[in-house]
Amino acid sequence: MDPKPLECLQGTPIPPFLSKTFDLVDDPELDQIISWTDSGSSFVVWDPIEFARRILPKNFKHNNLSSFVRQLNTYVRMICSSVSVFSRF
């Protein structure tokens, strides 16, 4: 089944940071660097060095993994009542 934004986000514009992150995680060509966990309820950055060196600068205005994690944590706290920011179900 294709990943979809959580129901609680329906009708609300998705912030660019979240949609870019979703696209990166969902890209099978990047699975060696970043991918969904087996449960599909979260994702893992498998190769943080390559992620920061190659992926972040192409998609965001920096190559700082700590900044990416900090921004991601901001959204996770905002959606604290949900299991995760994205759901594959």
PDB file of N, CA and C in Angstrom:
ATOM      1  N   MET A   1       0.840  -1.171   0.000  1.00  0.00           N
ATOM      2  CA  MET A   1       0.000   0.000   0.000  1.00  0.00           C
ATOM      3  C   MET A   1       0.892   1.243   0.000  1.00  0.00           C
ATOM      4  N   ASP A   2       0.507   2.273  -0.711  1.00  0.00           N
ATOM      5  CA  ASP A   2       1.289   3.496  -0.801  1.00  0.00           C
ATOM      6  C   ASP A   2       1.219   4.289   0.495  1.00  0.00           C
ATOM      7  N   PRO A   3       2.349   4.906   0.905  1.00  0.00           N
ATOM      8  CA  PRO A   3       2.326   5.766   2.090  1.00  0.00           C
ATOM      9  C   PRO A   3       1.408   6.961   1.870  1.00  0.00           C
ATOM     10  N   LYS A   4       0.724   7.368   2.927  1.00  0.00           N
ATOM     11  CA  LYS A   4      -0.186   8.507   2.866  1.00  0.00           C
ATOM     12  C   LYS A   4      -0.018   9.346   4.115  1.00  0.00           C
ATOM     13  N   PRO A   5      -0.195  10.663   4.001  1.00  0.00           N
ATOM     14  CA  PRO A   5      -0.172  11.492   5.211  1.00  0.00           C
ATOM     15  C   PRO A   5      -1.256  11.041   6.182  1.00  0.00           C
ATOM     16  N   LEU A   6      -1.003  11.231   7.454  1.00  0.00           N
ATOM     17  CA  LEU A   6      -1.987  10.861   8.467  1.00  0.00           C
ATOM     18  C   LEU A   6      -3.301  11.583   8.242  1.00  0.00           C
ATOM     19  N   GLU A   7      -4.371  10.943   8.627  1.00  0.00           N
ATOM     20  CA  GLU A   7      -5.722  11.510   8.492  1.00  0.00           C
ATOM     21  C   GLU A   7      -5.817  12.902   9.116  1.00  0.00           C
ATOM     22  N   CYS A   8      -5.151  13.099  10.265  1.00  0.00           N
ATOM     23  CA  CYS A   8      -5.270  14.386  10.956  1.00  0.00           C
ATOM     24  C   CYS A   8      -4.669  15.528  10.148  1.00  0.00           C
ATOM     25  N   LEU A   9      -3.853  15.223   9.139  1.00  0.00           N
ATOM     26  CA  LEU A   9      -3.266  16.272   8.315  1.00  0.00           C
ATOM     27  C   LEU A   9      -4.073  16.549   7.056  1.00  0.00           C
ATOM     28  N   GLN A  10      -5.109  15.769   6.796  1.00  0.00           N
ATOM     29  CA  GLN A  10      -5.915  15.955   5.594  1.00  0.00           C
ATOM     30  C   GLN A  10      -6.533  17.346   5.603  1.00  0.00           C
ATOM     31  N   GLY A  11      -6.420  18.051   4.486  1.00  0.00           N
ATOM     32  CA  GLY A  11      -6.986  19.383   4.365  1.00  0.00           C
ATOM     33  C   GLY A  11      -6.059  20.477   4.854  1.00  0.00           C
ATOM     34  N   THR A  12      -4.980  20.102   5.514  1.00  0.00           N
ATOM     35  CA  THR A  12      -3.997  21.058   5.995  1.00  0.00           C
ATOM     36  C   THR A  12      -2.799  21.021   5.056  1.00  0.00           C
ATOM     37  N   PRO A  13      -2.324  22.177   4.609  1.00  0.00           N
ATOM     38  CA  PRO A  13      -1.144  22.153   3.744  1.00  0.00           C
ATOM     39  C   PRO A  13       0.039  21.490   4.458  1.00  0.00           C
ATOM     40  N   ILE A  14       0.713  20.595   3.767  1.00  0.00           N
ATOM     41  CA  ILE A  14       1.872  19.917   4.340  1.00  0.00           C
ATOM     42  C   ILE A  14       3.083  20.854   4.231  1.00  0.00           C
ATOM     43  N   PRO A  15       3.758  21.112   5.335  1.00  0.00           N
ATOM     44  CA  PRO A  15       4.945  21.963   5.274  1.00  0.00           C
ATOM     45  C   PRO A  15       5.989  21.363   4.327  1.00  0.00           C
ATOM     46  N   PRO A  16       6.695  22.208   3.587  1.00  0.00           N
ATOM     47  CA  PRO A  16       7.698  21.709   2.635  1.00  0.00           C
ATOM     48  C   PRO A  16       8.731  20.782   3.269  1.00  0.00           C
ATOM     49  N   PHE A  17       9.156  21.063   4.494  1.00  0.00           N
ATOM     50  CA  PHE A  17      10.125  20.193   5.147  1.00  0.00           C
ATOM     51  C   PHE A  17       9.602  18.761   5.247  1.00  0.00           C
ATOM     52  N   LEU A  18       8.342  18.622   5.635  1.00  0.00           N
ATOM     53  CA  LEU A  18       7.771  17.282   5.785  1.00  0.00           C
ATOM     54  C   LEU A  18       7.577  16.580   4.446  1.00  0.00           C
ATOM     55  N   SER A  19       7.110  17.311   3.452  1.00  0.00           N
ATOM     56  CA  SER A  19       6.903  16.660   2.150  1.00  0.00           C
ATOM     57  C   SER A  19       8.236  16.269   1.522  1.00  0.00           C
ATOM     58  N   LYS A  20       9.266  17.097   1.668  1.00  0.00           N
ATOM     59  CA  LYS A  20      10.589  16.731   1.152  1.00  0.00           C
ATOM     60  C   LYS A  20      11.136  15.519   1.881  1.00  0.00           C
ATOM     61  N   THR A  21      10.982  15.504   3.198  1.00  0.00           N
ATOM     62  CA  THR A  21      11.467  14.368   3.983  1.00  0.00           C
ATOM     63  C   THR A  21      10.733  13.095   3.577  1.00  0.00           C
ATOM     64  N   PHE A  22       9.422  13.179   3.429  1.00  0.00           N
ATOM     65  CA  PHE A  22       8.627  12.021   3.005  1.00  0.00           C
ATOM     66  C   PHE A  22       9.129  11.501   1.663  1.00  0.00           C
ATOM     67  N   ASP A  23       9.343  12.401   0.714  1.00  0.00           N
ATOM     68  CA  ASP A  23       9.809  11.999  -0.615  1.00  0.00           C
ATOM     69  C   ASP A  23      11.167  11.311  -0.548  1.00  0.00           C
ATOM     70  N   LEU A  24      12.060  11.810   0.301  1.00  0.00           N
ATOM     71  CA  LEU A  24      13.369  11.181   0.449  1.00  0.00           C
ATOM     72  C   LEU A  24      13.250   9.772   1.026  1.00  0.00           C
ATOM     73  N   VAL A  25      12.477   9.647   2.086  1.00  0.00           N
ATOM     74  CA  VAL A  25      12.310   8.346   2.735  1.00  0.00           C
ATOM     75  C   VAL A  25      11.626   7.359   1.788  1.00  0.00           C
ATOM     76  N   ASP A  26      10.729   7.849   0.980  1.00  0.00           N
ATOM     77  CA  ASP A  26       9.937   6.990   0.106  1.00  0.00           C
ATOM     78  C   ASP A  26      10.633   6.656  -1.221  1.00  0.00           C
ATOM     79  N   ASP A  27      11.786   7.240  -1.476  1.00  0.00           N
ATOM     80  CA  ASP A  27      12.510   7.014  -2.725  1.00  0.00           C
ATOM     81  C   ASP A  27      13.327   5.721  -2.630  1.00  0.00           C
ATOM     82  N   PRO A  28      12.953   4.679  -3.387  1.00  0.00           N
ATOM     83  CA  PRO A  28      13.668   3.406  -3.290  1.00  0.00           C
ATOM     84  C   PRO A  28      15.143   3.499  -3.702  1.00  0.00           C
ATOM     85  N   GLU A  29      15.493   4.490  -4.489  1.00  0.00           N
ATOM     86  CA  GLU A  29      16.895   4.654  -4.885  1.00  0.00           C
ATOM     87  C   GLU A  29      17.770   5.100  -3.717  1.00  0.00           C
ATOM     88  N   LEU A  30      17.160   5.606  -2.653  1.00  0.00           N
ATOM     89  CA  LEU A  30      17.904   6.071  -1.485  1.00  0.00           C
ATOM     90  C   LEU A  30      17.856   5.091  -0.316  1.00  0.00           C
ATOM     91  N   ASP A  31      17.310   3.896  -0.540  1.00  0.00           N
ATOM     92  CA  ASP A  31      17.123   2.946   0.563  1.00  0.00           C
ATOM     93  C   ASP A  31      18.408   2.584   1.313  1.00  0.00           C
ATOM     94  N   GLN A  32      19.550   2.673   0.678  1.00  0.00           N
ATOM     95  CA  GLN A  32      20.812   2.388   1.372  1.00  0.00           C
ATOM     96  C   GLN A  32      21.192   3.525   2.322  1.00  0.00           C
ATOM     97  N   ILE A  33      20.594   4.691   2.117  1.00  0.00           N
ATOM     98  CA  ILE A  33      20.920   5.868   2.928  1.00  0.00           C
ATOM     99  C   ILE A  33      19.809   6.182   3.918  1.00  0.00           C
ATOM    100  N   ILE A  34      18.558   6.163   3.436  1.00  0.00           N
ATOM    101  CA  ILE A  34      17.397   6.480   4.274  1.00  0.00           C
ATOM    102  C   ILE A  34      16.214   5.669   3.765  1.00  0.00           C
ATOM    103  N   SER A  35      15.476   5.055   4.681  1.00  0.00           N
ATOM    104  CA  SER A  35      14.317   4.256   4.249  1.00  0.00           C
ATOM    105  C   SER A  35      13.360   4.032   5.416  1.00  0.00           C
ATOM    106  N   TRP A  36      12.188   3.543   5.064  1.00  0.00           N
ATOM    107  CA  TRP A  36      11.189   3.168   6.055  1.00  0.00           C
ATOM    108  C   TRP A  36      11.682   1.949   6.837  1.00  0.00           C
ATOM    109  N   THR A  37      11.276   1.854   8.089  1.00  0.00           N
ATOM    110  CA  THR A  37      11.501   0.631   8.851  1.00  0.00           C
ATOM    111  C   THR A  37      10.550  -0.430   8.330  1.00  0.00           C
ATOM    112  N   ASP A  38      10.737  -1.668   8.757  1.00  0.00           N
ATOM    113  CA  ASP A  38       9.854  -2.751   8.305  1.00  0.00           C
ATOM    114  C   ASP A  38       8.395  -2.493   8.646  1.00  0.00           C
ATOM    115  N   SER A  39       8.139  -1.850   9.782  1.00  0.00           N
ATOM    116  CA  SER A  39       6.752  -1.580  10.179  1.00  0.00           C
ATOM    117  C   SER A  39       6.135  -0.460   9.345  1.00  0.00           C
ATOM    118  N   GLY A  40       6.989   0.379   8.734  1.00  0.00           N
ATOM    119  CA  GLY A  40       6.485   1.495   7.935  1.00  0.00           C
ATOM    120  C   GLY A  40       6.002   2.670   8.760  1.00  0.00           C
ATOM    121  N   SER A  41       6.170   2.611  10.065  1.00  0.00           N
ATOM    122  CA  SER A  41       5.678   3.697  10.912  1.00  0.00           C
ATOM    123  C   SER A  41       6.765   4.708  11.267  1.00  0.00           C
ATOM    124  N   SER A  42       7.988   4.436  10.840  1.00  0.00           N
ATOM    125  CA  SER A  42       9.094   5.356  11.078  1.00  0.00           C
ATOM    126  C   SER A  42      10.164   5.105  10.023  1.00  0.00           C
ATOM    127  N   PHE A  43      11.208   5.924  10.066  1.00  0.00           N
ATOM    128  CA  PHE A  43      12.283   5.722   9.103  1.00  0.00           C
ATOM    129  C   PHE A  43      13.635   5.804   9.798  1.00  0.00           C
ATOM    130  N   VAL A  44      14.660   5.321   9.076  1.00  0.00           N
ATOM    131  CA  VAL A  44      16.018   5.280   9.601  1.00  0.00           C
ATOM    132  C   VAL A  44      16.951   5.923   8.583  1.00  0.00           C
ATOM    133  N   VAL A  45      17.878   6.729   9.073  1.00  0.00           N
ATOM    134  CA  VAL A  45      18.971   7.217   8.240  1.00  0.00           C
ATOM    135  C   VAL A  45      20.114   6.217   8.449  1.00  0.00           C
ATOM    136  N   TRP A  46      20.299   5.341   7.473  1.00  0.00           N
ATOM    137  CA  TRP A  46      21.275   4.255   7.565  1.00  0.00           C
ATOM    138  C   TRP A  46      22.709   4.748   7.415  1.00  0.00           C
ATOM    139  N   ASP A  47      22.895   5.777   6.628  1.00  0.00           N
ATOM    140  CA  ASP A  47      24.241   6.297   6.368  1.00  0.00           C
ATOM    141  C   ASP A  47      24.226   7.805   6.604  1.00  0.00           C
ATOM    142  N   PRO A  48      24.370   8.227   7.871  1.00  0.00           N
ATOM    143  CA  PRO A  48      24.270   9.648   8.207  1.00  0.00           C
ATOM    144  C   PRO A  48      25.314  10.516   7.493  1.00  0.00           C
ATOM    145  N   ILE A  49      26.490   9.987   7.286  1.00  0.00           N
ATOM    146  CA  ILE A  49      27.533  10.782   6.632  1.00  0.00           C
ATOM    147  C   ILE A  49      27.152  11.076   5.186  1.00  0.00           C
ATOM    148  N   GLU A  50      26.727  10.056   4.477  1.00  0.00           N
ATOM    149  CA  GLU A  50      26.306  10.245   3.087  1.00  0.00           C
ATOM    150  C   GLU A  50      25.038  11.092   3.007  1.00  0.00           C
ATOM    151  N   PHE A  51      24.126  10.901   3.942  1.00  0.00           N
ATOM    152  CA  PHE A  51      22.903  11.696   3.991  1.00  0.00           C
ATOM    153  C   PHE A  51      23.235  13.181   4.122  1.00  0.00           C
ATOM    154  N   ALA A  52      24.140  13.501   5.046  1.00  0.00           N
ATOM    155  CA  ALA A  52      24.520  14.903   5.265  1.00  0.00           C
ATOM    156  C   ALA A  52      25.336  15.456   4.096  1.00  0.00           C
ATOM    157  N   ARG A  53      26.191  14.633   3.530  1.00  0.00           N
ATOM    158  CA  ARG A  53      27.085  15.102   2.468  1.00  0.00           C
ATOM    159  C   ARG A  53      26.377  15.272   1.133  1.00  0.00           C
ATOM    160  N   ARG A  54      25.499  14.312   0.804  1.00  0.00           N
ATOM    161  CA  ARG A  54      24.925  14.285  -0.549  1.00  0.00           C
ATOM    162  C   ARG A  54      23.451  14.658  -0.603  1.00  0.00           C
ATOM    163  N   ILE A  55      22.653  14.191   0.347  1.00  0.00           N
ATOM    164  CA  ILE A  55      21.195  14.334   0.263  1.00  0.00           C
ATOM    165  C   ILE A  55      20.715  15.673   0.829  1.00  0.00           C
ATOM    166  N   LEU A  56      21.166  16.033   2.016  1.00  0.00           N
ATOM    167  CA  LEU A  56      20.687  17.280   2.631  1.00  0.00           C
ATOM    168  C   LEU A  56      20.914  18.508   1.753  1.00  0.00           C
ATOM    169  N   PRO A  57      22.126  18.736   1.218  1.00  0.00           N
ATOM    170  CA  PRO A  57      22.327  19.960   0.429  1.00  0.00           C
ATOM    171  C   PRO A  57      21.480  20.034  -0.838  1.00  0.00           C
ATOM    172  N   LYS A  58      21.112  18.892  -1.390  1.00  0.00           N
ATOM    173  CA  LYS A  58      20.276  18.883  -2.600  1.00  0.00           C
ATOM    174  C   LYS A  58      18.820  19.227  -2.287  1.00  0.00           C
ATOM    175  N   ASN A  59      18.401  18.985  -1.054  1.00  0.00           N
ATOM    176  CA  ASN A  59      16.985  19.127  -0.716  1.00  0.00           C
ATOM    177  C   ASN A  59      16.678  20.213   0.308  1.00  0.00           C
ATOM    178  N   PHE A  60      17.683  20.631   1.042  1.00  0.00           N
ATOM    179  CA  PHE A  60      17.510  21.645   2.067  1.00  0.00           C
ATOM    180  C   PHE A  60      18.622  22.677   1.904  1.00  0.00           C
ATOM    181  N   LYS A  61      18.605  23.715   2.679  1.00  0.00           N
ATOM    182  CA  LYS A  61      19.586  24.791   2.520  1.00  0.00           C
ATOM    183  C   LYS A  61      20.841  24.570   3.372  1.00  0.00           C
ATOM    184  N   HIS A  62      21.105  23.345   3.755  1.00  0.00           N
ATOM    185  CA  HIS A  62      22.253  23.052   4.615  1.00  0.00           C
ATOM    186  C   HIS A  62      22.668  21.594   4.444  1.00  0.00           C
ATOM    187  N   ASN A  63      23.764  21.236   5.094  1.00  0.00           N
ATOM    188  CA  ASN A  63      24.203  19.844   5.112  1.00  0.00           C
ATOM    189  C   ASN A  63      24.439  19.385   6.552  1.00  0.00           C
ATOM    190  N   ASN A  64      23.720  19.976   7.472  1.00  0.00           N
ATOM    191  CA  ASN A  64      23.896  19.722   8.891  1.00  0.00           C
ATOM    192  C   ASN A  64      22.838  18.733   9.388  1.00  0.00           C
ATOM    193  N   LEU A  65      23.274  17.519   9.705  1.00  0.00           N
ATOM    194  CA  LEU A  65      22.340  16.488  10.161  1.00  0.00           C
ATOM    195  C   LEU A  65      21.662  16.895  11.469  1.00  0.00           C
ATOM    196  N   SER A  66      22.382  17.558  12.355  1.00  0.00           N
ATOM    197  CA  SER A  66      21.783  18.002  13.624  1.00  0.00           C
ATOM    198  C   SER A  66      20.639  18.978  13.388  1.00  0.00           C
ATOM    199  N   SER A  67      20.787  19.858  12.422  1.00  0.00           N
ATOM    200  CA  SER A  67      19.711  20.796  12.094  1.00  0.00           C
ATOM    201  C   SER A  67      18.496  20.066  11.540  1.00  0.00           C
ATOM    202  N   PHE A  68      18.743  19.070  10.707  1.00  0.00           N
ATOM    203  CA  PHE A  68      17.651  18.258  10.157  1.00  0.00           C
ATOM    204  C   PHE A  68      16.897  17.557  11.286  1.00  0.00           C
ATOM    205  N   VAL A  69      17.623  16.934  12.202  1.00  0.00           N
ATOM    206  CA  VAL A  69      16.990  16.215  13.323  1.00  0.00           C
ATOM    207  C   VAL A  69      16.228  17.192  14.215  1.00  0.00           C
ATOM    208  N   ARG A  70      16.811  18.342  14.471  1.00  0.00           N
ATOM    209  CA  ARG A  70      16.136  19.355  15.306  1.00  0.00           C
ATOM    210  C   ARG A  70      14.815  19.790  14.668  1.00  0.00           C
ATOM    211  N   GLN A  71      14.844  20.033  13.353  1.00  0.00           N
ATOM    212  CA  GLN A  71      13.615  20.446  12.669  1.00  0.00           C
ATOM    213  C   GLN A  71      12.592  19.307  12.661  1.00  0.00           C
ATOM    214  N   LEU A  72      13.044  18.092  12.447  1.00  0.00           N
ATOM    215  CA  LEU A  72      12.153  16.939  12.471  1.00  0.00           C
ATOM    216  C   LEU A  72      11.513  16.792  13.853  1.00  0.00           C
ATOM    217  N   ASN A  73      12.296  16.955  14.896  1.00  0.00           N
ATOM    218  CA  ASN A  73      11.759  16.863  16.262  1.00  0.00           C
ATOM    219  C   ASN A  73      10.707  17.929  16.532  1.00  0.00           C
ATOM    220  N   THR A  74      10.855  19.095  15.941  1.00  0.00           N
ATOM    221  CA  THR A  74       9.843  20.145  16.089  1.00  0.00           C
ATOM    222  C   THR A  74       8.497  19.654  15.581  1.00  0.00           C
ATOM    223  N   TYR A  75       8.492  19.016  14.419  1.00  0.00           N
ATOM    224  CA  TYR A  75       7.239  18.515  13.854  1.00  0.00           C
ATOM    225  C   TYR A  75       6.707  17.323  14.630  1.00  0.00           C
ATOM    226  N   VAL A  76       7.578  16.468  15.108  1.00  0.00           N
ATOM    227  CA  VAL A  76       7.127  15.318  15.889  1.00  0.00           C
ATOM    228  C   VAL A  76       6.435  15.792  17.156  1.00  0.00           C
ATOM    229  N   ARG A  77       6.984  16.807  17.801  1.00  0.00           N
ATOM    230  CA  ARG A  77       6.333  17.351  19.003  1.00  0.00           C
ATOM    231  C   ARG A  77       4.980  17.976  18.669  1.00  0.00           C
ATOM    232  N   MET A  78       4.884  18.596  17.492  1.00  0.00           N
ATOM    233  CA  MET A  78       3.622  19.227  17.090  1.00  0.00           C
ATOM    234  C   MET A  78       2.537  18.186  16.843  1.00  0.00           C
ATOM    235  N   ILE A  79       2.939  16.998  16.469  1.00  0.00           N
ATOM    236  CA  ILE A  79       1.977  15.938  16.140  1.00  0.00           C
ATOM    237  C   ILE A  79       2.106  14.834  17.180  1.00  0.00           C
ATOM    238  N   CYS A  80       2.293  15.221  18.422  1.00  0.00           N
ATOM    239  CA  CYS A  80       2.589  14.259  19.487  1.00  0.00           C
ATOM    240  C   CYS A  80       1.457  13.268  19.731  1.00  0.00           C
ATOM    241  N   SER A  81       0.253  13.572  19.354  1.00  0.00           N
ATOM    242  CA  SER A  81      -0.844  12.632  19.588  1.00  0.00           C
ATOM    243  C   SER A  81      -0.887  11.534  18.531  1.00  0.00           C
ATOM    244  N   SER A  82      -0.077  11.663  17.473  1.00  0.00           N
ATOM    245  CA  SER A  82      -0.033  10.664  16.408  1.00  0.00           C
ATOM    246  C   SER A  82       1.118   9.697  16.636  1.00  0.00           C
ATOM    247  N   VAL A  83       1.015   8.538  16.051  1.00  0.00           N
ATOM    248  CA  VAL A  83       2.068   7.535  16.171  1.00  0.00           C
ATOM    249  C   VAL A  83       3.337   8.016  15.485  1.00  0.00           C
ATOM    250  N   SER A  84       3.197   8.607  14.302  1.00  0.00           N
ATOM    251  CA  SER A  84       4.339   9.136  13.569  1.00  0.00           C
ATOM    252  C   SER A  84       3.858  10.197  12.607  1.00  0.00           C
ATOM    253  N   VAL A  85       4.782  10.912  12.027  1.00  0.00           N
ATOM    254  CA  VAL A  85       4.419  11.979  11.094  1.00  0.00           C
ATOM    255  C   VAL A  85       3.763  11.386   9.844  1.00  0.00           C
ATOM    256  N   PHE A  86       4.261  10.245   9.407  1.00  0.00           N
ATOM    257  CA  PHE A  86       3.718   9.602   8.213  1.00  0.00           C
ATOM    258  C   PHE A  86       3.285   8.196   8.535  1.00  0.00           C
ATOM    259  N   SER A  87       2.296   7.756   7.837  1.00  0.00           N
ATOM    260  CA  SER A  87       1.822   6.387   8.008  1.00  0.00           C
ATOM    261  C   SER A  87       1.773   5.717   6.662  1.00  0.00           C
ATOM    262  N   ARG A  88       2.152   4.475   6.596  1.00  0.00           N
ATOM    263  CA  ARG A  88       2.112   3.745   5.339  1.00  0.00           C
ATOM    264  C   ARG A  88       0.774   3.029   5.161  1.00  0.00           C
ATOM    265  N   PHE A  89      -0.138   3.165   6.120  1.00  0.00           N
ATOM    266  CA  PHE A  89      -1.402   2.400   6.060  1.00  0.00           C
ATOM    267  C   PHE A  89      -2.558   3.257   5.668  1.00  0.00           C
TER     268      PHE A  89
END
